[in-house]
């Protein structure tokens, strides 16, 4: 007898099966990204230029939330993309100027890869 999760993840139109776990990972990643965007908007709307410490906290929070989604490293494209995005966030947070450090091709590619992996899993995220 097939497990319920196996039946729910049958391939469609030649695409590889997408597990519920990938969808859950992507939905949680999207929430983490939205939380970071809300924090950035609040910081900008405060009337002051956000400090390096504000950016550091936002990027650290993003890293921590993404890392918590795949505590064992995970397996598959979504987990790999989450891990790369989290690593880039951590790297930028550790820099002297976190905002400038996050504005680089590797950070952008990690976000693009996460967006693409989640799209394949049927979840729209925007990193």
PDB file of N, CA and C in Angstrom:
ATOM      1  N   UNK A   1       0.841  -1.180   0.000  1.00  0.00           N
ATOM      2  CA  UNK A   1       0.000   0.000   0.000  1.00  0.00           C
ATOM      3  C   UNK A   1       0.880   1.234   0.000  1.00  0.00           C
ATOM      4  N   UNK A   2       0.597   2.178  -0.883  1.00  0.00           N
ATOM      5  CA  UNK A   2       1.387   3.397  -0.976  1.00  0.00           C
ATOM      6  C   UNK A   2       1.050   4.326   0.180  1.00  0.00           C
ATOM      7  N   UNK A   3       2.074   5.063   0.636  1.00  0.00           N
ATOM      8  CA  UNK A   3       1.827   6.012   1.721  1.00  0.00           C
ATOM      9  C   UNK A   3       1.044   7.199   1.187  1.00  0.00           C
ATOM     10  N   UNK A   4       0.282   7.892   2.049  1.00  0.00           N
ATOM     11  CA  UNK A   4      -0.494   9.044   1.588  1.00  0.00           C
ATOM     12  C   UNK A   4       0.381  10.125   0.966  1.00  0.00           C
ATOM     13  N   UNK A   5       1.596  10.337   1.502  1.00  0.00           N
ATOM     14  CA  UNK A   5       2.450  11.371   0.940  1.00  0.00           C
ATOM     15  C   UNK A   5       2.945  10.983  -0.451  1.00  0.00           C
ATOM     16  N   UNK A   6       3.149   9.695  -0.693  1.00  0.00           N
ATOM     17  CA  UNK A   6       3.588   9.262  -2.020  1.00  0.00           C
ATOM     18  C   UNK A   6       2.484   9.499  -3.035  1.00  0.00           C
ATOM     19  N   UNK A   7       1.256   9.237  -2.642  1.00  0.00           N
ATOM     20  CA  UNK A   7       0.139   9.458  -3.556  1.00  0.00           C
ATOM     21  C   UNK A   7      -0.059  10.935  -3.829  1.00  0.00           C
ATOM     22  N   UNK A   8       0.206  11.770  -2.849  1.00  0.00           N
ATOM     23  CA  UNK A   8      -0.014  13.210  -3.001  1.00  0.00           C
ATOM     24  C   UNK A   8       1.085  13.869  -3.830  1.00  0.00           C
ATOM     25  N   UNK A   9       2.187  13.166  -4.053  1.00  0.00           N
ATOM     26  CA  UNK A   9       3.287  13.800  -4.778  1.00  0.00           C
ATOM     27  C   UNK A   9       3.553  13.139  -6.115  1.00  0.00           C
ATOM     28  N   UNK A  10       2.528  12.673  -6.788  1.00  0.00           N
ATOM     29  CA  UNK A  10       2.722  12.030  -8.078  1.00  0.00           C
ATOM     30  C   UNK A  10       3.164  13.041  -9.129  1.00  0.00           C
ATOM     31  N   UNK A  11       3.977  12.633 -10.074  1.00  0.00           N
ATOM     32  CA  UNK A  11       4.479  13.551 -11.083  1.00  0.00           C
ATOM     33  C   UNK A  11       3.366  14.080 -11.983  1.00  0.00           C
ATOM     34  N   UNK A  12       3.527  15.316 -12.418  1.00  0.00           N
ATOM     35  CA  UNK A  12       2.568  15.931 -13.328  1.00  0.00           C
ATOM     36  C   UNK A  12       3.311  16.389 -14.577  1.00  0.00           C
ATOM     37  N   UNK A  13       2.834  15.962 -15.724  1.00  0.00           N
ATOM     38  CA  UNK A  13       3.388  16.401 -17.011  1.00  0.00           C
ATOM     39  C   UNK A  13       4.906  16.252 -17.084  1.00  0.00           C
ATOM     40  N   UNK A  14       5.431  15.106 -16.619  1.00  0.00           N
ATOM     41  CA  UNK A  14       6.852  14.845 -16.755  1.00  0.00           C
ATOM     42  C   UNK A  14       7.732  15.519 -15.721  1.00  0.00           C
ATOM     43  N   UNK A  15       7.165  16.254 -14.785  1.00  0.00           N
ATOM     44  CA  UNK A  15       7.975  16.889 -13.753  1.00  0.00           C
ATOM     45  C   UNK A  15       8.211  15.897 -12.628  1.00  0.00           C
ATOM     46  N   UNK A  16       9.313  16.072 -11.942  1.00  0.00           N
ATOM     47  CA  UNK A  16       9.618  15.218 -10.799  1.00  0.00           C
ATOM     48  C   UNK A  16       8.605  15.476  -9.698  1.00  0.00           C
ATOM     49  N   UNK A  17       8.320  14.471  -8.881  1.00  0.00           N
ATOM     50  CA  UNK A  17       7.371  14.674  -7.791  1.00  0.00           C
ATOM     51  C   UNK A  17       7.861  15.738  -6.822  1.00  0.00           C
ATOM     52  N   UNK A  18       6.951  16.517  -6.295  1.00  0.00           N
ATOM     53  CA  UNK A  18       7.265  17.554  -5.320  1.00  0.00           C
ATOM     54  C   UNK A  18       6.687  17.102  -3.988  1.00  0.00           C
ATOM     55  N   UNK A  19       7.509  17.028  -2.987  1.00  0.00           N
ATOM     56  CA  UNK A  19       7.024  16.572  -1.691  1.00  0.00           C
ATOM     57  C   UNK A  19       6.379  17.711  -0.932  1.00  0.00           C
ATOM     58  N   UNK A  20       5.513  17.346  -0.015  1.00  0.00           N
ATOM     59  CA  UNK A  20       4.886  18.338   0.851  1.00  0.00           C
ATOM     60  C   UNK A  20       5.957  19.079   1.629  1.00  0.00           C
ATOM     61  N   UNK A  21       7.027  18.387   2.000  1.00  0.00           N
ATOM     62  CA  UNK A  21       8.098  19.018   2.752  1.00  0.00           C
ATOM     63  C   UNK A  21       8.713  20.188   1.985  1.00  0.00           C
ATOM     64  N   UNK A  22       8.913  20.042   0.679  1.00  0.00           N
ATOM     65  CA  UNK A  22       9.454  21.140  -0.124  1.00  0.00           C
ATOM     66  C   UNK A  22       8.501  22.321  -0.114  1.00  0.00           C
ATOM     67  N   UNK A  23       7.214  22.035  -0.239  1.00  0.00           N
ATOM     68  CA  UNK A  23       6.238  23.120  -0.201  1.00  0.00           C
ATOM     69  C   UNK A  23       6.266  23.819   1.139  1.00  0.00           C
ATOM     70  N   UNK A  24       6.333  23.042   2.205  1.00  0.00           N
ATOM     71  CA  UNK A  24       6.380  23.620   3.545  1.00  0.00           C
ATOM     72  C   UNK A  24       7.643  24.450   3.734  1.00  0.00           C
ATOM     73  N   UNK A  25       8.767  23.934   3.246  1.00  0.00           N
ATOM     74  CA  UNK A  25      10.020  24.685   3.326  1.00  0.00           C
ATOM     75  C   UNK A  25       9.892  26.025   2.611  1.00  0.00           C
ATOM     76  N   UNK A  26       9.326  26.000   1.419  1.00  0.00           N
ATOM     77  CA  UNK A  26       9.190  27.228   0.639  1.00  0.00           C
ATOM     78  C   UNK A  26       8.225  28.210   1.298  1.00  0.00           C
ATOM     79  N   UNK A  27       7.121  27.704   1.813  1.00  0.00           N
ATOM     80  CA  UNK A  27       6.168  28.590   2.490  1.00  0.00           C
ATOM     81  C   UNK A  27       6.817  29.238   3.711  1.00  0.00           C
ATOM     82  N   UNK A  28       7.606  28.474   4.440  1.00  0.00           N
ATOM     83  CA  UNK A  28       8.297  29.014   5.602  1.00  0.00           C
ATOM     84  C   UNK A  28       9.385  29.996   5.196  1.00  0.00           C
ATOM     85  N   UNK A  29      10.082  29.707   4.095  1.00  0.00           N
ATOM     86  CA  UNK A  29      11.104  30.628   3.593  1.00  0.00           C
ATOM     87  C   UNK A  29      10.468  31.934   3.155  1.00  0.00           C
ATOM     88  N   UNK A  30       9.320  31.860   2.501  1.00  0.00           N
ATOM     89  CA  UNK A  30       8.622  33.075   2.073  1.00  0.00           C
ATOM     90  C   UNK A  30       8.237  33.915   3.285  1.00  0.00           C
ATOM     91  N   UNK A  31       7.763  33.280   4.339  1.00  0.00           N
ATOM     92  CA  UNK A  31       7.405  34.008   5.556  1.00  0.00           C
ATOM     93  C   UNK A  31       8.639  34.692   6.135  1.00  0.00           C
ATOM     94  N   UNK A  32       9.771  33.992   6.166  1.00  0.00           N
ATOM     95  CA  UNK A  32      11.013  34.579   6.680  1.00  0.00           C
ATOM     96  C   UNK A  32      11.421  35.789   5.839  1.00  0.00           C
ATOM     97  N   UNK A  33      11.293  35.678   4.529  1.00  0.00           N
ATOM     98  CA  UNK A  33      11.615  36.795   3.647  1.00  0.00           C
ATOM     99  C   UNK A  33      10.680  37.975   3.854  1.00  0.00           C
ATOM    100  N   UNK A  34       9.396  37.689   4.038  1.00  0.00           N
ATOM    101  CA  UNK A  34       8.423  38.762   4.289  1.00  0.00           C
ATOM    102  C   UNK A  34       8.696  39.429   5.638  1.00  0.00           C
ATOM    103  N   UNK A  35       9.065  38.651   6.640  1.00  0.00           N
ATOM    104  CA  UNK A  35       9.410  39.222   7.945  1.00  0.00           C
ATOM    105  C   UNK A  35      10.579  40.188   7.809  1.00  0.00           C
ATOM    106  N   UNK A  36      11.587  39.796   7.009  1.00  0.00           N
ATOM    107  CA  UNK A  36      12.742  40.668   6.812  1.00  0.00           C
ATOM    108  C   UNK A  36      12.326  41.952   6.091  1.00  0.00           C
ATOM    109  N   UNK A  37      11.474  41.820   5.076  1.00  0.00           N
ATOM    110  CA  UNK A  37      11.017  43.001   4.337  1.00  0.00           C
ATOM    111  C   UNK A  37      10.222  43.939   5.238  1.00  0.00           C
ATOM    112  N   UNK A  38       9.380  43.382   6.109  1.00  0.00           N
ATOM    113  CA  UNK A  38       8.613  44.210   7.052  1.00  0.00           C
ATOM    114  C   UNK A  38       9.549  44.951   7.994  1.00  0.00           C
ATOM    115  N   UNK A  39      10.583  44.277   8.471  1.00  0.00           N
ATOM    116  CA  UNK A  39      11.550  44.915   9.360  1.00  0.00           C
ATOM    117  C   UNK A  39      12.283  46.039   8.633  1.00  0.00           C
ATOM    118  N   UNK A  40      12.634  45.819   7.375  1.00  0.00           N
ATOM    119  CA  UNK A  40      13.310  46.851   6.589  1.00  0.00           C
ATOM    120  C   UNK A  40      12.400  48.051   6.370  1.00  0.00           C
ATOM    121  N   UNK A  41      11.140  47.798   6.022  1.00  0.00           N
ATOM    122  CA  UNK A  41      10.185  48.891   5.817  1.00  0.00           C
ATOM    123  C   UNK A  41      10.017  49.694   7.102  1.00  0.00           C
ATOM    124  N   UNK A  42       9.888  49.016   8.230  1.00  0.00           N
ATOM    125  CA  UNK A  42       9.739  49.706   9.515  1.00  0.00           C
ATOM    126  C   UNK A  42      10.977  50.553   9.817  1.00  0.00           C
ATOM    127  N   UNK A  43      12.157  50.010   9.513  1.00  0.00           N
ATOM    128  CA  UNK A  43      13.397  50.747   9.768  1.00  0.00           C
ATOM    129  C   UNK A  43      13.486  51.991   8.886  1.00  0.00           C
ATOM    130  N   UNK A  44      13.112  51.861   7.630  1.00  0.00           N
ATOM    131  CA  UNK A  44      13.163  52.987   6.703  1.00  0.00           C
ATOM    132  C   UNK A  44      12.115  54.040   7.074  1.00  0.00           C
ATOM    133  N   UNK A  45      10.932  53.588   7.475  1.00  0.00           N
ATOM    134  CA  UNK A  45       9.856  54.515   7.824  1.00  0.00           C
ATOM    135  C   UNK A  45      10.087  55.216   9.150  1.00  0.00           C
ATOM    136  N   UNK A  46      11.102  54.806   9.900  1.00  0.00           N
ATOM    137  CA  UNK A  46      11.398  55.458  11.177  1.00  0.00           C
ATOM    138  C   UNK A  46      11.911  56.875  10.970  1.00  0.00           C
ATOM    139  N   UNK A  47      12.292  57.184   9.745  1.00  0.00           N
ATOM    140  CA  UNK A  47      12.789  58.525   9.450  1.00  0.00           C
ATOM    141  C   UNK A  47      14.299  58.625   9.480  1.00  0.00           C
ATOM    142  N   UNK A  48      14.956  57.608   9.963  1.00  0.00           N
ATOM    143  CA  UNK A  48      16.418  57.581  10.011  1.00  0.00           C
ATOM    144  C   UNK A  48      16.947  56.524   9.058  1.00  0.00           C
ATOM    145  N   UNK A  49      18.123  56.760   8.551  1.00  0.00           N
ATOM    146  CA  UNK A  49      18.783  55.754   7.719  1.00  0.00           C
ATOM    147  C   UNK A  49      19.080  54.545   8.603  1.00  0.00           C
ATOM    148  N   UNK A  50      18.648  53.345   8.189  1.00  0.00           N
ATOM    149  CA  UNK A  50      18.934  52.160   9.015  1.00  0.00           C
ATOM    150  C   UNK A  50      20.438  51.970   9.205  1.00  0.00           C
ATOM    151  N   UNK A  51      20.824  51.694  10.428  1.00  0.00           N
ATOM    152  CA  UNK A  51      22.234  51.502  10.766  1.00  0.00           C
ATOM    153  C   UNK A  51      22.713  50.124  10.321  1.00  0.00           C
ATOM    154  N   UNK A  52      24.025  49.966  10.359  1.00  0.00           N
ATOM    155  CA  UNK A  52      24.615  48.663  10.048  1.00  0.00           C
ATOM    156  C   UNK A  52      24.077  47.616  11.009  1.00  0.00           C
ATOM    157  N   UNK A  53      23.844  48.005  12.252  1.00  0.00           N
ATOM    158  CA  UNK A  53      23.338  47.059  13.253  1.00  0.00           C
ATOM    159  C   UNK A  53      21.925  46.593  12.901  1.00  0.00           C
ATOM    160  N   UNK A  54      21.100  47.486  12.362  1.00  0.00           N
ATOM    161  CA  UNK A  54      19.744  47.115  11.942  1.00  0.00           C
ATOM    162  C   UNK A  54      19.816  46.099  10.802  1.00  0.00           C
ATOM    163  N   UNK A  55      20.653  46.372   9.809  1.00  0.00           N
ATOM    164  CA  UNK A  55      20.821  45.420   8.698  1.00  0.00           C
ATOM    165  C   UNK A  55      21.387  44.090   9.199  1.00  0.00           C
ATOM    166  N   UNK A  56      22.357  44.181  10.128  1.00  0.00           N
ATOM    167  CA  UNK A  56      22.968  42.968  10.667  1.00  0.00           C
ATOM    168  C   UNK A  56      21.903  42.104  11.344  1.00  0.00           C
ATOM    169  N   UNK A  57      21.027  42.727  12.127  1.00  0.00           N
ATOM    170  CA  UNK A  57      19.976  41.977  12.816  1.00  0.00           C
ATOM    171  C   UNK A  57      19.005  41.353  11.809  1.00  0.00           C
ATOM    172  N   UNK A  58      18.605  42.112  10.788  1.00  0.00           N
ATOM    173  CA  UNK A  58      17.680  41.574   9.782  1.00  0.00           C
ATOM    174  C   UNK A  58      18.280  40.367   9.064  1.00  0.00           C
ATOM    175  N   UNK A  59      19.523  40.484   8.653  1.00  0.00           N
ATOM    176  CA  UNK A  59      20.184  39.397   7.928  1.00  0.00           C
ATOM    177  C   UNK A  59      20.452  38.194   8.834  1.00  0.00           C
ATOM    178  N   UNK A  60      20.793  38.456  10.082  1.00  0.00           N
ATOM    179  CA  UNK A  60      21.000  37.364  11.038  1.00  0.00           C
ATOM    180  C   UNK A  60      19.685  36.638  11.289  1.00  0.00           C
ATOM    181  N   UNK A  61      18.601  37.404  11.453  1.00  0.00           N
ATOM    182  CA  UNK A  61      17.285  36.785  11.645  1.00  0.00           C
ATOM    183  C   UNK A  61      16.917  35.926  10.439  1.00  0.00           C
ATOM    184  N   UNK A  62      17.166  36.448   9.227  1.00  0.00           N
ATOM    185  CA  UNK A  62      16.868  35.677   8.018  1.00  0.00           C
ATOM    186  C   UNK A  62      17.673  34.382   8.026  1.00  0.00           C
ATOM    187  N   UNK A  63      18.962  34.489   8.277  1.00  0.00           N
ATOM    188  CA  UNK A  63      19.802  33.286   8.328  1.00  0.00           C
ATOM    189  C   UNK A  63      19.264  32.288   9.336  1.00  0.00           C
ATOM    190  N   UNK A  64      18.971  32.767  10.551  1.00  0.00           N
ATOM    191  CA  UNK A  64      18.526  31.866  11.610  1.00  0.00           C
ATOM    192  C   UNK A  64      17.223  31.157  11.233  1.00  0.00           C
ATOM    193  N   UNK A  65      16.295  31.896  10.641  1.00  0.00           N
ATOM    194  CA  UNK A  65      15.015  31.300  10.254  1.00  0.00           C
ATOM    195  C   UNK A  65      15.199  30.281   9.132  1.00  0.00           C
ATOM    196  N   UNK A  66      16.038  30.587   8.154  1.00  0.00           N
ATOM    197  CA  UNK A  66      16.274  29.647   7.057  1.00  0.00           C
ATOM    198  C   UNK A  66      17.037  28.420   7.548  1.00  0.00           C
ATOM    199  N   UNK A  67      18.033  28.627   8.409  1.00  0.00           N
ATOM    200  CA  UNK A  67      18.820  27.506   8.933  1.00  0.00           C
ATOM    201  C   UNK A  67      17.943  26.568   9.757  1.00  0.00           C
ATOM    202  N   UNK A  68      16.971  27.115  10.465  1.00  0.00           N
ATOM    203  CA  UNK A  68      16.088  26.289  11.288  1.00  0.00           C
ATOM    204  C   UNK A  68      15.192  25.383  10.434  1.00  0.00           C
ATOM    205  N   UNK A  69      15.003  25.739   9.176  1.00  0.00           N
ATOM    206  CA  UNK A  69      14.155  24.946   8.291  1.00  0.00           C
ATOM    207  C   UNK A  69      14.825  23.653   7.850  1.00  0.00           C
ATOM    208  N   UNK A  70      16.143  23.650   7.788  1.00  0.00           N
ATOM    209  CA  UNK A  70      16.883  22.460   7.350  1.00  0.00           C
ATOM    210  C   UNK A  70      18.010  22.173   8.340  1.00  0.00           C
ATOM    211  N   UNK A  71      17.667  21.817   9.585  1.00  0.00           N
ATOM    212  CA  UNK A  71      18.702  21.647  10.608  1.00  0.00           C
ATOM    213  C   UNK A  71      19.745  20.593  10.277  1.00  0.00           C
ATOM    214  N   UNK A  72      19.379  19.591   9.500  1.00  0.00           N
ATOM    215  CA  UNK A  72      20.347  18.557   9.122  1.00  0.00           C
ATOM    216  C   UNK A  72      20.971  18.808   7.773  1.00  0.00           C
ATOM    217  N   UNK A  73      20.778  19.979   7.221  1.00  0.00           N
ATOM    218  CA  UNK A  73      21.306  20.304   5.907  1.00  0.00           C
ATOM    219  C   UNK A  73      20.286  20.096   4.815  1.00  0.00           C
ATOM    220  N   UNK A  74      19.376  19.154   5.015  1.00  0.00           N
ATOM    221  CA  UNK A  74      18.323  18.924   4.024  1.00  0.00           C
ATOM    222  C   UNK A  74      18.826  18.204   2.802  1.00  0.00           C
ATOM    223  N   UNK A  75      17.875  17.874   1.932  1.00  0.00           N
ATOM    224  CA  UNK A  75      18.178  17.136   0.723  1.00  0.00           C
ATOM    225  C   UNK A  75      17.300  17.674  -0.396  1.00  0.00           C
ATOM    226  N   UNK A  76      17.852  17.898  -1.557  1.00  0.00           N
ATOM    227  CA  UNK A  76      17.084  18.352  -2.708  1.00  0.00           C
ATOM    228  C   UNK A  76      17.362  19.804  -3.050  1.00  0.00           C
ATOM    229  N   UNK A  77      16.757  20.237  -4.156  1.00  0.00           N
ATOM    230  CA  UNK A  77      17.013  21.585  -4.669  1.00  0.00           C
ATOM    231  C   UNK A  77      16.552  22.679  -3.721  1.00  0.00           C
ATOM    232  N   UNK A  78      15.384  22.499  -3.122  1.00  0.00           N
ATOM    233  CA  UNK A  78      14.874  23.527  -2.215  1.00  0.00           C
ATOM    234  C   UNK A  78      15.787  23.659  -1.005  1.00  0.00           C
ATOM    235  N   UNK A  79      16.141  22.550  -0.393  1.00  0.00           N
ATOM    236  CA  UNK A  79      17.016  22.586   0.788  1.00  0.00           C
ATOM    237  C   UNK A  79      18.375  23.187   0.430  1.00  0.00           C
ATOM    238  N   UNK A  80      18.932  22.794  -0.718  1.00  0.00           N
ATOM    239  CA  UNK A  80      20.212  23.354  -1.145  1.00  0.00           C
ATOM    240  C   UNK A  80      20.112  24.865  -1.328  1.00  0.00           C
ATOM    241  N   UNK A  81      19.038  25.313  -1.965  1.00  0.00           N
ATOM    242  CA  UNK A  81      18.854  26.748  -2.190  1.00  0.00           C
ATOM    243  C   UNK A  81      18.656  27.492  -0.874  1.00  0.00           C
ATOM    244  N   UNK A  82      17.892  26.908   0.039  1.00  0.00           N
ATOM    245  CA  UNK A  82      17.706  27.514   1.366  1.00  0.00           C
ATOM    246  C   UNK A  82      19.041  27.650   2.081  1.00  0.00           C
ATOM    247  N   UNK A  83      19.839  26.602   2.035  1.00  0.00           N
ATOM    248  CA  UNK A  83      21.141  26.631   2.713  1.00  0.00           C
ATOM    249  C   UNK A  83      22.064  27.685   2.112  1.00  0.00           C
ATOM    250  N   UNK A  84      22.063  27.809   0.785  1.00  0.00           N
ATOM    251  CA  UNK A  84      22.900  28.837   0.139  1.00  0.00           C
ATOM    252  C   UNK A  84      22.413  30.238   0.495  1.00  0.00           C
ATOM    253  N   UNK A  85      21.083  30.445   0.498  1.00  0.00           N
ATOM    254  CA  UNK A  85      20.535  31.757   0.841  1.00  0.00           C
ATOM    255  C   UNK A  85      20.878  32.101   2.286  1.00  0.00           C
ATOM    256  N   UNK A  86      20.733  31.132   3.179  1.00  0.00           N
ATOM    257  CA  UNK A  86      21.078  31.360   4.583  1.00  0.00           C
ATOM    258  C   UNK A  86      22.552  31.670   4.766  1.00  0.00           C
ATOM    259  N   UNK A  87      23.400  30.963   4.039  1.00  0.00           N
ATOM    260  CA  UNK A  87      24.846  31.208   4.130  1.00  0.00           C
ATOM    261  C   UNK A  87      25.203  32.604   3.642  1.00  0.00           C
ATOM    262  N   UNK A  88      24.567  33.038   2.553  1.00  0.00           N
ATOM    263  CA  UNK A  88      24.824  34.386   2.041  1.00  0.00           C
ATOM    264  C   UNK A  88      24.338  35.448   3.031  1.00  0.00           C
ATOM    265  N   UNK A  89      23.200  35.209   3.667  1.00  0.00           N
ATOM    266  CA  UNK A  89      22.683  36.151   4.668  1.00  0.00           C
ATOM    267  C   UNK A  89      23.647  36.235   5.848  1.00  0.00           C
ATOM    268  N   UNK A  90      24.160  35.093   6.297  1.00  0.00           N
ATOM    269  CA  UNK A  90      25.110  35.071   7.413  1.00  0.00           C
ATOM    270  C   UNK A  90      26.402  35.797   7.044  1.00  0.00           C
ATOM    271  N   UNK A  91      26.872  35.564   5.820  1.00  0.00           N
ATOM    272  CA  UNK A  91      28.101  36.218   5.365  1.00  0.00           C
ATOM    273  C   UNK A  91      27.919  37.739   5.335  1.00  0.00           C
ATOM    274  N   UNK A  92      26.788  38.196   4.822  1.00  0.00           N
ATOM    275  CA  UNK A  92      26.523  39.640   4.761  1.00  0.00           C
ATOM    276  C   UNK A  92      26.374  40.214   6.172  1.00  0.00           C
ATOM    277  N   UNK A  93      25.708  39.479   7.064  1.00  0.00           N
ATOM    278  CA  UNK A  93      25.511  39.961   8.437  1.00  0.00           C
ATOM    279  C   UNK A  93      26.833  40.132   9.166  1.00  0.00           C
ATOM    280  N   UNK A  94      27.816  39.305   8.840  1.00  0.00           N
ATOM    281  CA  UNK A  94      29.117  39.353   9.509  1.00  0.00           C
ATOM    282  C   UNK A  94      30.021  40.467   8.974  1.00  0.00           C
ATOM    283  N   UNK A  95      29.644  41.073   7.865  1.00  0.00           N
ATOM    284  CA  UNK A  95      30.476  42.106   7.242  1.00  0.00           C
ATOM    285  C   UNK A  95      30.377  43.422   8.015  1.00  0.00           C
ATOM    286  N   UNK A  96      31.367  44.274   7.837  1.00  0.00           N
ATOM    287  CA  UNK A  96      31.358  45.591   8.468  1.00  0.00           C
ATOM    288  C   UNK A  96      30.186  46.440   8.009  1.00  0.00           C
ATOM    289  N   UNK A  97      29.834  46.312   6.733  1.00  0.00           N
ATOM    290  CA  UNK A  97      28.685  47.021   6.167  1.00  0.00           C
ATOM    291  C   UNK A  97      27.744  45.977   5.585  1.00  0.00           C
ATOM    292  N   UNK A  98      26.826  45.461   6.426  1.00  0.00           N
ATOM    293  CA  UNK A  98      25.957  44.364   5.989  1.00  0.00           C
ATOM    294  C   UNK A  98      25.104  44.700   4.767  1.00  0.00           C
ATOM    295  N   UNK A  99      24.629  45.930   4.664  1.00  0.00           N
ATOM    296  CA  UNK A  99      23.785  46.296   3.519  1.00  0.00           C
ATOM    297  C   UNK A  99      24.585  46.204   2.224  1.00  0.00           C
ATOM    298  N   UNK A 100      25.794  46.721   2.238  1.00  0.00           N
ATOM    299  CA  UNK A 100      26.638  46.665   1.051  1.00  0.00           C
ATOM    300  C   UNK A 100      27.039  45.225   0.747  1.00  0.00           C
ATOM    301  N   UNK A 101      27.304  44.453   1.789  1.00  0.00           N
ATOM    302  CA  UNK A 101      27.709  43.062   1.601  1.00  0.00           C
ATOM    303  C   UNK A 101      26.588  42.226   0.994  1.00  0.00           C
ATOM    304  N   UNK A 102      25.343  42.571   1.304  1.00  0.00           N
ATOM    305  CA  UNK A 102      24.203  41.827   0.747  1.00  0.00           C
ATOM    306  C   UNK A 102      23.927  42.220  -0.699  1.00  0.00           C
ATOM    307  N   UNK A 103      24.493  43.332  -1.137  1.00  0.00           N
ATOM    308  CA  UNK A 103      24.285  43.813  -2.499  1.00  0.00           C
ATOM    309  C   UNK A 103      25.408  43.275  -3.387  1.00  0.00           C
ATOM    310  N   UNK A 104      25.345  41.963  -3.660  1.00  0.00           N
ATOM    311  CA  UNK A 104      26.392  41.345  -4.471  1.00  0.00           C
ATOM    312  C   UNK A 104      25.784  40.227  -5.305  1.00  0.00           C
ATOM    313  N   UNK A 105      26.476  39.830  -6.367  1.00  0.00           N
ATOM    314  CA  UNK A 105      25.937  38.805  -7.273  1.00  0.00           C
ATOM    315  C   UNK A 105      25.667  37.453  -6.604  1.00  0.00           C
ATOM    316  N   UNK A 106      26.495  37.038  -5.641  1.00  0.00           N
ATOM    317  CA  UNK A 106      26.286  35.735  -4.997  1.00  0.00           C
ATOM    318  C   UNK A 106      25.000  35.743  -4.164  1.00  0.00           C
ATOM    319  N   UNK A 107      24.734  36.829  -3.466  1.00  0.00           N
ATOM    320  CA  UNK A 107      23.514  36.955  -2.672  1.00  0.00           C
ATOM    321  C   UNK A 107      22.306  36.961  -3.598  1.00  0.00           C
ATOM    322  N   UNK A 108      22.407  37.724  -4.675  1.00  0.00           N
ATOM    323  CA  UNK A 108      21.311  37.791  -5.653  1.00  0.00           C
ATOM    324  C   UNK A 108      21.052  36.432  -6.297  1.00  0.00           C
ATOM    325  N   UNK A 109      22.122  35.713  -6.644  1.00  0.00           N
ATOM    326  CA  UNK A 109      21.957  34.390  -7.262  1.00  0.00           C
ATOM    327  C   UNK A 109      21.327  33.412  -6.285  1.00  0.00           C
ATOM    328  N   UNK A 110      21.716  33.478  -5.019  1.00  0.00           N
ATOM    329  CA  UNK A 110      21.120  32.592  -4.010  1.00  0.00           C
ATOM    330  C   UNK A 110      19.613  32.847  -3.923  1.00  0.00           C
ATOM    331  N   UNK A 111      19.216  34.106  -3.962  1.00  0.00           N
ATOM    332  CA  UNK A 111      17.793  34.441  -3.931  1.00  0.00           C
ATOM    333  C   UNK A 111      17.066  33.971  -5.174  1.00  0.00           C
ATOM    334  N   UNK A 112      17.689  34.157  -6.329  1.00  0.00           N
ATOM    335  CA  UNK A 112      17.097  33.714  -7.593  1.00  0.00           C
ATOM    336  C   UNK A 112      16.959  32.193  -7.621  1.00  0.00           C
ATOM    337  N   UNK A 113      17.973  31.490  -7.132  1.00  0.00           N
ATOM    338  CA  UNK A 113      17.930  30.027  -7.091  1.00  0.00           C
ATOM    339  C   UNK A 113      16.835  29.533  -6.141  1.00  0.00           C
ATOM    340  N   UNK A 114      16.673  30.194  -5.007  1.00  0.00           N
ATOM    341  CA  UNK A 114      15.624  29.806  -4.056  1.00  0.00           C
ATOM    342  C   UNK A 114      14.250  30.056  -4.669  1.00  0.00           C
ATOM    343  N   UNK A 115      14.087  31.190  -5.318  1.00  0.00           N
ATOM    344  CA  UNK A 115      12.823  31.506  -5.991  1.00  0.00           C
ATOM    345  C   UNK A 115      12.495  30.444  -7.035  1.00  0.00           C
ATOM    346  N   UNK A 116      13.494  30.061  -7.840  1.00  0.00           N
ATOM    347  CA  UNK A 116      13.279  29.056  -8.893  1.00  0.00           C
ATOM    348  C   UNK A 116      12.975  27.679  -8.305  1.00  0.00           C
ATOM    349  N   UNK A 117      13.701  27.284  -7.269  1.00  0.00           N
ATOM    350  CA  UNK A 117      13.469  25.972  -6.655  1.00  0.00           C
ATOM    351  C   UNK A 117      12.060  25.902  -6.067  1.00  0.00           C
ATOM    352  N   UNK A 118      11.629  26.973  -5.449  1.00  0.00           N
ATOM    353  CA  UNK A 118      10.295  26.985  -4.849  1.00  0.00           C
ATOM    354  C   UNK A 118       9.213  27.039  -5.928  1.00  0.00           C
ATOM    355  N   UNK A 119       9.488  27.700  -7.040  1.00  0.00           N
ATOM    356  CA  UNK A 119       8.532  27.725  -8.132  1.00  0.00           C
ATOM    357  C   UNK A 119       8.296  26.291  -8.633  1.00  0.00           C
ATOM    358  N   UNK A 120       9.371  25.520  -8.752  1.00  0.00           N
ATOM    359  CA  UNK A 120       9.269  24.127  -9.161  1.00  0.00           C
ATOM    360  C   UNK A 120       8.438  23.329  -8.162  1.00  0.00           C
ATOM    361  N   UNK A 121       8.525  23.703  -6.896  1.00  0.00           N
ATOM    362  CA  UNK A 121       7.757  23.025  -5.842  1.00  0.00           C
ATOM    363  C   UNK A 121       6.324  23.540  -5.759  1.00  0.00           C
ATOM    364  N   UNK A 122       5.977  24.517  -6.618  1.00  0.00           N
ATOM    365  CA  UNK A 122       4.608  25.016  -6.652  1.00  0.00           C
ATOM    366  C   UNK A 122       4.335  26.148  -5.667  1.00  0.00           C
ATOM    367  N   UNK A 123       5.383  26.798  -5.180  1.00  0.00           N
ATOM    368  CA  UNK A 123       5.212  27.887  -4.216  1.00  0.00           C
ATOM    369  C   UNK A 123       5.918  29.130  -4.749  1.00  0.00           C
ATOM    370  N   UNK A 124       5.221  30.244  -4.728  1.00  0.00           N
ATOM    371  CA  UNK A 124       5.807  31.502  -5.173  1.00  0.00           C
ATOM    372  C   UNK A 124       6.490  32.187  -4.003  1.00  0.00           C
ATOM    373  N   UNK A 125       7.786  32.404  -4.143  1.00  0.00           N
ATOM    374  CA  UNK A 125       8.546  33.182  -3.175  1.00  0.00           C
ATOM    375  C   UNK A 125       9.261  34.270  -3.944  1.00  0.00           C
ATOM    376  N   UNK A 126       9.660  35.298  -3.246  1.00  0.00           N
ATOM    377  CA  UNK A 126      10.352  36.397  -3.913  1.00  0.00           C
ATOM    378  C   UNK A 126      11.551  36.814  -3.060  1.00  0.00           C
ATOM    379  N   UNK A 127      12.703  36.315  -3.460  1.00  0.00           N
ATOM    380  CA  UNK A 127      13.938  36.695  -2.769  1.00  0.00           C
ATOM    381  C   UNK A 127      14.812  37.495  -3.700  1.00  0.00           C
TER     382      UNK A 127
END
